[in-house]
């Protein structure tokens, strides 16, 4: 299966740059996310960690049909 894909990609000029761009985007994304979380205030982290445990969830509002 890979040989069919590899055969098609060999005819494209500059195709060898795409894996490098993908890796670079992957690394940049996770580096930015790591820095964002590392610089986050402790109070914000505690607020976000308590979200799944909060019980004061508002009930869903019913949609009123008009005729």
PDB file of N, CA and C in Angstrom:
ATOM      1  N   UNK A   1       0.829  -1.195   0.000  1.00  0.00           N
ATOM      2  CA  UNK A   1       0.000   0.000   0.000  1.00  0.00           C
ATOM      3  C   UNK A   1       0.871   1.256   0.000  1.00  0.00           C
ATOM      4  N   UNK A   2       1.903   1.264   0.800  1.00  0.00           N
ATOM      5  CA  UNK A   2       2.764   2.431   0.893  1.00  0.00           C
ATOM      6  C   UNK A   2       3.509   2.690  -0.414  1.00  0.00           C
ATOM      7  N   UNK A   3       3.827   1.637  -1.147  1.00  0.00           N
ATOM      8  CA  UNK A   3       4.571   1.836  -2.390  1.00  0.00           C
ATOM      9  C   UNK A   3       3.752   2.591  -3.432  1.00  0.00           C
ATOM     10  N   UNK A   4       2.419   2.436  -3.396  1.00  0.00           N
ATOM     11  CA  UNK A   4       1.573   3.183  -4.331  1.00  0.00           C
ATOM     12  C   UNK A   4       1.571   4.665  -3.988  1.00  0.00           C
ATOM     13  N   UNK A   5       1.497   4.958  -2.719  1.00  0.00           N
ATOM     14  CA  UNK A   5       1.521   6.348  -2.281  1.00  0.00           C
ATOM     15  C   UNK A   5       2.893   6.944  -2.544  1.00  0.00           C
ATOM     16  N   UNK A   6       3.937   6.217  -2.199  1.00  0.00           N
ATOM     17  CA  UNK A   6       5.302   6.699  -2.374  1.00  0.00           C
ATOM     18  C   UNK A   6       5.591   6.959  -3.853  1.00  0.00           C
ATOM     19  N   UNK A   7       5.102   6.095  -4.716  1.00  0.00           N
ATOM     20  CA  UNK A   7       5.306   6.255  -6.156  1.00  0.00           C
ATOM     21  C   UNK A   7       4.655   7.546  -6.655  1.00  0.00           C
ATOM     22  N   UNK A   8       3.456   7.852  -6.172  1.00  0.00           N
ATOM     23  CA  UNK A   8       2.762   9.064  -6.606  1.00  0.00           C
ATOM     24  C   UNK A   8       3.440  10.325  -6.079  1.00  0.00           C
ATOM     25  N   UNK A   9       4.002  10.252  -4.887  1.00  0.00           N
ATOM     26  CA  UNK A   9       4.608  11.424  -4.286  1.00  0.00           C
ATOM     27  C   UNK A   9       5.984  11.743  -4.852  1.00  0.00           C
ATOM     28  N   UNK A  10       6.636  10.784  -5.487  1.00  0.00           N
ATOM     29  CA  UNK A  10       7.978  11.044  -6.016  1.00  0.00           C
ATOM     30  C   UNK A  10       7.953  12.011  -7.204  1.00  0.00           C
ATOM     31  N   UNK A  11       6.832  12.151  -7.850  1.00  0.00           N
ATOM     32  CA  UNK A  11       6.734  13.047  -9.002  1.00  0.00           C
ATOM     33  C   UNK A  11       6.485  14.498  -8.629  1.00  0.00           C
ATOM     34  N   UNK A  12       6.256  14.778  -7.362  1.00  0.00           N
ATOM     35  CA  UNK A  12       5.957  16.143  -6.928  1.00  0.00           C
ATOM     36  C   UNK A  12       7.244  16.808  -6.461  1.00  0.00           C
ATOM     37  N   UNK A  13       7.549  17.961  -7.022  1.00  0.00           N
ATOM     38  CA  UNK A  13       8.742  18.705  -6.598  1.00  0.00           C
ATOM     39  C   UNK A  13       8.518  19.327  -5.226  1.00  0.00           C
ATOM     40  N   UNK A  14       9.482  19.197  -4.352  1.00  0.00           N
ATOM     41  CA  UNK A  14       9.421  19.818  -3.035  1.00  0.00           C
ATOM     42  C   UNK A  14       8.519  19.119  -2.050  1.00  0.00           C
ATOM     43  N   UNK A  15       8.145  17.876  -2.311  1.00  0.00           N
ATOM     44  CA  UNK A  15       7.246  17.159  -1.419  1.00  0.00           C
ATOM     45  C   UNK A  15       7.939  16.791  -0.106  1.00  0.00           C
ATOM     46  N   UNK A  16       9.259  16.769  -0.096  1.00  0.00           N
ATOM     47  CA  UNK A  16       9.979  16.374   1.110  1.00  0.00           C
ATOM     48  C   UNK A  16       9.905  17.424   2.215  1.00  0.00           C
ATOM     49  N   UNK A  17       9.395  18.606   1.940  1.00  0.00           N
ATOM     50  CA  UNK A  17       9.285  19.651   2.952  1.00  0.00           C
ATOM     51  C   UNK A  17       8.037  19.482   3.815  1.00  0.00           C
ATOM     52  N   UNK A  18       7.015  18.802   3.320  1.00  0.00           N
ATOM     53  CA  UNK A  18       5.756  18.667   4.055  1.00  0.00           C
ATOM     54  C   UNK A  18       5.890  17.927   5.385  1.00  0.00           C
ATOM     55  N   UNK A  19       6.642  16.833   5.461  1.00  0.00           N
ATOM     56  CA  UNK A  19       6.812  16.209   6.789  1.00  0.00           C
ATOM     57  C   UNK A  19       7.513  17.130   7.783  1.00  0.00           C
ATOM     58  N   UNK A  20       8.444  17.923   7.319  1.00  0.00           N
ATOM     59  CA  UNK A  20       9.139  18.848   8.215  1.00  0.00           C
ATOM     60  C   UNK A  20       8.197  19.949   8.697  1.00  0.00           C
ATOM     61  N   UNK A  21       7.346  20.438   7.811  1.00  0.00           N
ATOM     62  CA  UNK A  21       6.370  21.457   8.204  1.00  0.00           C
ATOM     63  C   UNK A  21       5.389  20.878   9.215  1.00  0.00           C
ATOM     64  N   UNK A  22       4.949  19.657   9.002  1.00  0.00           N
ATOM     65  CA  UNK A  22       4.016  19.011   9.924  1.00  0.00           C
ATOM     66  C   UNK A  22       4.646  18.835  11.299  1.00  0.00           C
ATOM     67  N   UNK A  23       5.876  18.380  11.338  1.00  0.00           N
ATOM     68  CA  UNK A  23       6.569  18.210  12.613  1.00  0.00           C
ATOM     69  C   UNK A  23       6.762  19.549  13.310  1.00  0.00           C
ATOM     70  N   UNK A  24       7.119  20.561  12.558  1.00  0.00           N
ATOM     71  CA  UNK A  24       7.318  21.884  13.130  1.00  0.00           C
ATOM     72  C   UNK A  24       6.018  22.432  13.726  1.00  0.00           C
ATOM     73  N   UNK A  25       4.909  22.294  13.011  1.00  0.00           N
ATOM     74  CA  UNK A  25       3.620  22.741  13.529  1.00  0.00           C
ATOM     75  C   UNK A  25       3.227  21.975  14.784  1.00  0.00           C
ATOM     76  N   UNK A  26       3.463  20.681  14.797  1.00  0.00           N
ATOM     77  CA  UNK A  26       3.163  19.837  15.948  1.00  0.00           C
ATOM     78  C   UNK A  26       3.951  20.301  17.169  1.00  0.00           C
ATOM     79  N   UNK A  27       5.242  20.515  17.012  1.00  0.00           N
ATOM     80  CA  UNK A  27       6.100  20.928  18.123  1.00  0.00           C
ATOM     81  C   UNK A  27       5.724  22.328  18.601  1.00  0.00           C
ATOM     82  N   UNK A  28       5.475  23.248  17.692  1.00  0.00           N
ATOM     83  CA  UNK A  28       5.106  24.617  18.067  1.00  0.00           C
ATOM     84  C   UNK A  28       3.790  24.631  18.837  1.00  0.00           C
ATOM     85  N   UNK A  29       2.810  23.866  18.374  1.00  0.00           N
ATOM     86  CA  UNK A  29       1.515  23.820  19.050  1.00  0.00           C
ATOM     87  C   UNK A  29       1.668  23.355  20.494  1.00  0.00           C
ATOM     88  N   UNK A  30       2.370  22.237  20.714  1.00  0.00           N
ATOM     89  CA  UNK A  30       2.502  21.720  22.065  1.00  0.00           C
ATOM     90  C   UNK A  30       3.424  22.579  22.922  1.00  0.00           C
ATOM     91  N   UNK A  31       4.382  23.256  22.336  1.00  0.00           N
ATOM     92  CA  UNK A  31       5.220  24.177  23.082  1.00  0.00           C
ATOM     93  C   UNK A  31       4.405  25.380  23.560  1.00  0.00           C
ATOM     94  N   UNK A  32       3.573  25.924  22.679  1.00  0.00           N
ATOM     95  CA  UNK A  32       2.708  27.045  23.049  1.00  0.00           C
ATOM     96  C   UNK A  32       1.723  26.621  24.140  1.00  0.00           C
ATOM     97  N   UNK A  33       1.130  25.433  24.011  1.00  0.00           N
ATOM     98  CA  UNK A  33       0.195  24.955  25.026  1.00  0.00           C
ATOM     99  C   UNK A  33       0.907  24.750  26.368  1.00  0.00           C
ATOM    100  N   UNK A  34       2.120  24.216  26.343  1.00  0.00           N
ATOM    101  CA  UNK A  34       2.880  24.018  27.572  1.00  0.00           C
ATOM    102  C   UNK A  34       3.181  25.359  28.235  1.00  0.00           C
ATOM    103  N   UNK A  35       3.604  26.342  27.468  1.00  0.00           N
ATOM    104  CA  UNK A  35       3.901  27.656  28.031  1.00  0.00           C
ATOM    105  C   UNK A  35       2.640  28.323  28.575  1.00  0.00           C
ATOM    106  N   UNK A  36       1.530  28.150  27.887  1.00  0.00           N
ATOM    107  CA  UNK A  36       0.258  28.719  28.348  1.00  0.00           C
ATOM    108  C   UNK A  36      -0.131  28.135  29.702  1.00  0.00           C
ATOM    109  N   UNK A  37      -0.028  26.832  29.836  1.00  0.00           N
ATOM    110  CA  UNK A  37      -0.402  26.175  31.087  1.00  0.00           C
ATOM    111  C   UNK A  37       0.617  26.487  32.181  1.00  0.00           C
ATOM    112  N   UNK A  38       1.885  26.544  31.834  1.00  0.00           N
ATOM    113  CA  UNK A  38       2.923  26.821  32.829  1.00  0.00           C
ATOM    114  C   UNK A  38       2.796  28.234  33.396  1.00  0.00           C
ATOM    115  N   UNK A  39       2.328  29.176  32.600  1.00  0.00           N
ATOM    116  CA  UNK A  39       2.211  30.562  33.045  1.00  0.00           C
ATOM    117  C   UNK A  39       0.841  30.882  33.643  1.00  0.00           C
ATOM    118  N   UNK A  40      -0.070  29.908  33.640  1.00  0.00           N
ATOM    119  CA  UNK A  40      -1.422  30.134  34.143  1.00  0.00           C
ATOM    120  C   UNK A  40      -1.383  30.358  35.659  1.00  0.00           C
ATOM    121  N   UNK A  41      -2.234  31.261  36.134  1.00  0.00           N
ATOM    122  CA  UNK A  41      -2.303  31.546  37.571  1.00  0.00           C
ATOM    123  C   UNK A  41      -2.882  30.351  38.320  1.00  0.00           C
ATOM    124  N   UNK A  42      -2.407  30.166  39.534  1.00  0.00           N
ATOM    125  CA  UNK A  42      -2.848  29.026  40.345  1.00  0.00           C
ATOM    126  C   UNK A  42      -4.352  29.114  40.636  1.00  0.00           C
ATOM    127  N   UNK A  43      -4.874  30.307  40.820  1.00  0.00           N
ATOM    128  CA  UNK A  43      -6.303  30.450  41.096  1.00  0.00           C
ATOM    129  C   UNK A  43      -7.136  30.002  39.893  1.00  0.00           C
ATOM    130  N   UNK A  44      -6.658  30.281  38.689  1.00  0.00           N
ATOM    131  CA  UNK A  44      -7.373  29.852  37.471  1.00  0.00           C
ATOM    132  C   UNK A  44      -7.337  28.334  37.327  1.00  0.00           C
ATOM    133  N   UNK A  45      -6.211  27.734  37.680  1.00  0.00           N
ATOM    134  CA  UNK A  45      -6.087  26.274  37.609  1.00  0.00           C
ATOM    135  C   UNK A  45      -7.054  25.622  38.590  1.00  0.00           C
ATOM    136  N   UNK A  46      -7.141  26.177  39.805  1.00  0.00           N
ATOM    137  CA  UNK A  46      -8.075  25.624  40.796  1.00  0.00           C
ATOM    138  C   UNK A  46      -9.516  25.800  40.353  1.00  0.00           C
ATOM    139  N   UNK A  47      -9.820  26.931  39.733  1.00  0.00           N
ATOM    140  CA  UNK A  47     -11.177  27.173  39.223  1.00  0.00           C
ATOM    141  C   UNK A  47     -11.535  26.160  38.134  1.00  0.00           C
ATOM    142  N   UNK A  48     -10.621  25.930  37.212  1.00  0.00           N
ATOM    143  CA  UNK A  48     -10.880  24.979  36.127  1.00  0.00           C
ATOM    144  C   UNK A  48     -10.937  23.545  36.629  1.00  0.00           C
ATOM    145  N   UNK A  49     -10.151  23.211  37.645  1.00  0.00           N
ATOM    146  CA  UNK A  49     -10.158  21.838  38.155  1.00  0.00           C
ATOM    147  C   UNK A  49     -11.446  21.524  38.904  1.00  0.00           C
ATOM    148  N   UNK A  50     -12.135  22.551  39.407  1.00  0.00           N
ATOM    149  CA  UNK A  50     -13.380  22.334  40.141  1.00  0.00           C
ATOM    150  C   UNK A  50     -14.604  22.312  39.236  1.00  0.00           C
ATOM    151  N   UNK A  51     -14.460  22.654  37.976  1.00  0.00           N
ATOM    152  CA  UNK A  51     -15.614  22.723  37.074  1.00  0.00           C
ATOM    153  C   UNK A  51     -16.418  21.416  36.989  1.00  0.00           C
ATOM    154  N   UNK A  52     -15.785  20.270  36.814  1.00  0.00           N
ATOM    155  CA  UNK A  52     -16.594  19.052  36.688  1.00  0.00           C
ATOM    156  C   UNK A  52     -17.340  18.686  37.970  1.00  0.00           C
ATOM    157  N   UNK A  53     -16.965  19.260  39.099  1.00  0.00           N
ATOM    158  CA  UNK A  53     -17.562  18.891  40.377  1.00  0.00           C
ATOM    159  C   UNK A  53     -18.641  19.846  40.844  1.00  0.00           C
ATOM    160  N   UNK A  54     -18.833  20.951  40.158  1.00  0.00           N
ATOM    161  CA  UNK A  54     -19.836  21.920  40.573  1.00  0.00           C
ATOM    162  C   UNK A  54     -21.236  21.353  40.375  1.00  0.00           C
ATOM    163  N   UNK A  55     -22.122  21.644  41.343  1.00  0.00           N
ATOM    164  CA  UNK A  55     -23.484  21.114  41.281  1.00  0.00           C
ATOM    165  C   UNK A  55     -24.526  22.173  40.967  1.00  0.00           C
ATOM    166  N   UNK A  56     -24.146  23.413  40.845  1.00  0.00           N
ATOM    167  CA  UNK A  56     -25.110  24.474  40.598  1.00  0.00           C
ATOM    168  C   UNK A  56     -25.349  24.684  39.099  1.00  0.00           C
ATOM    169  N   UNK A  57     -25.583  23.599  38.403  1.00  0.00           N
ATOM    170  CA  UNK A  57     -25.844  23.656  36.964  1.00  0.00           C
ATOM    171  C   UNK A  57     -27.296  24.055  36.750  1.00  0.00           C
ATOM    172  N   UNK A  58     -27.505  25.020  35.878  1.00  0.00           N
ATOM    173  CA  UNK A  58     -28.858  25.473  35.588  1.00  0.00           C
ATOM    174  C   UNK A  58     -29.573  24.443  34.723  1.00  0.00           C
ATOM    175  N   UNK A  59     -30.856  24.191  35.001  1.00  0.00           N
ATOM    176  CA  UNK A  59     -31.598  23.253  34.158  1.00  0.00           C
ATOM    177  C   UNK A  59     -31.779  23.822  32.754  1.00  0.00           C
ATOM    178  N   UNK A  60     -31.865  22.933  31.802  1.00  0.00           N
ATOM    179  CA  UNK A  60     -32.046  23.374  30.429  1.00  0.00           C
ATOM    180  C   UNK A  60     -33.409  24.023  30.260  1.00  0.00           C
ATOM    181  N   UNK A  61     -33.432  25.093  29.506  1.00  0.00           N
ATOM    182  CA  UNK A  61     -34.691  25.784  29.267  1.00  0.00           C
ATOM    183  C   UNK A  61     -35.460  25.065  28.166  1.00  0.00           C
ATOM    184  N   UNK A  62     -36.763  24.955  28.387  1.00  0.00           N
ATOM    185  CA  UNK A  62     -37.593  24.303  27.387  1.00  0.00           C
ATOM    186  C   UNK A  62     -37.895  25.276  26.253  1.00  0.00           C
ATOM    187  N   UNK A  63     -37.930  24.758  25.063  1.00  0.00           N
ATOM    188  CA  UNK A  63     -38.258  25.575  23.897  1.00  0.00           C
ATOM    189  C   UNK A  63     -39.770  25.646  23.784  1.00  0.00           C
ATOM    190  N   UNK A  64     -40.278  26.861  23.745  1.00  0.00           N
ATOM    191  CA  UNK A  64     -41.723  27.067  23.640  1.00  0.00           C
ATOM    192  C   UNK A  64     -42.095  27.160  22.188  1.00  0.00           C
ATOM    193  N   UNK A  65     -43.004  26.282  21.771  1.00  0.00           N
ATOM    194  CA  UNK A  65     -43.467  26.300  20.392  1.00  0.00           C
ATOM    195  C   UNK A  65     -44.624  27.264  20.249  1.00  0.00           C
ATOM    196  N   UNK A  66     -44.566  28.081  19.225  1.00  0.00           N
ATOM    197  CA  UNK A  66     -45.668  29.000  18.957  1.00  0.00           C
ATOM    198  C   UNK A  66     -46.399  28.532  17.713  1.00  0.00           C
ATOM    199  N   UNK A  67     -47.705  28.541  17.790  1.00  0.00           N
ATOM    200  CA  UNK A  67     -48.527  28.118  16.650  1.00  0.00           C
ATOM    201  C   UNK A  67     -49.146  29.294  15.985  1.00  0.00           C
TER     202      UNK A  67
END
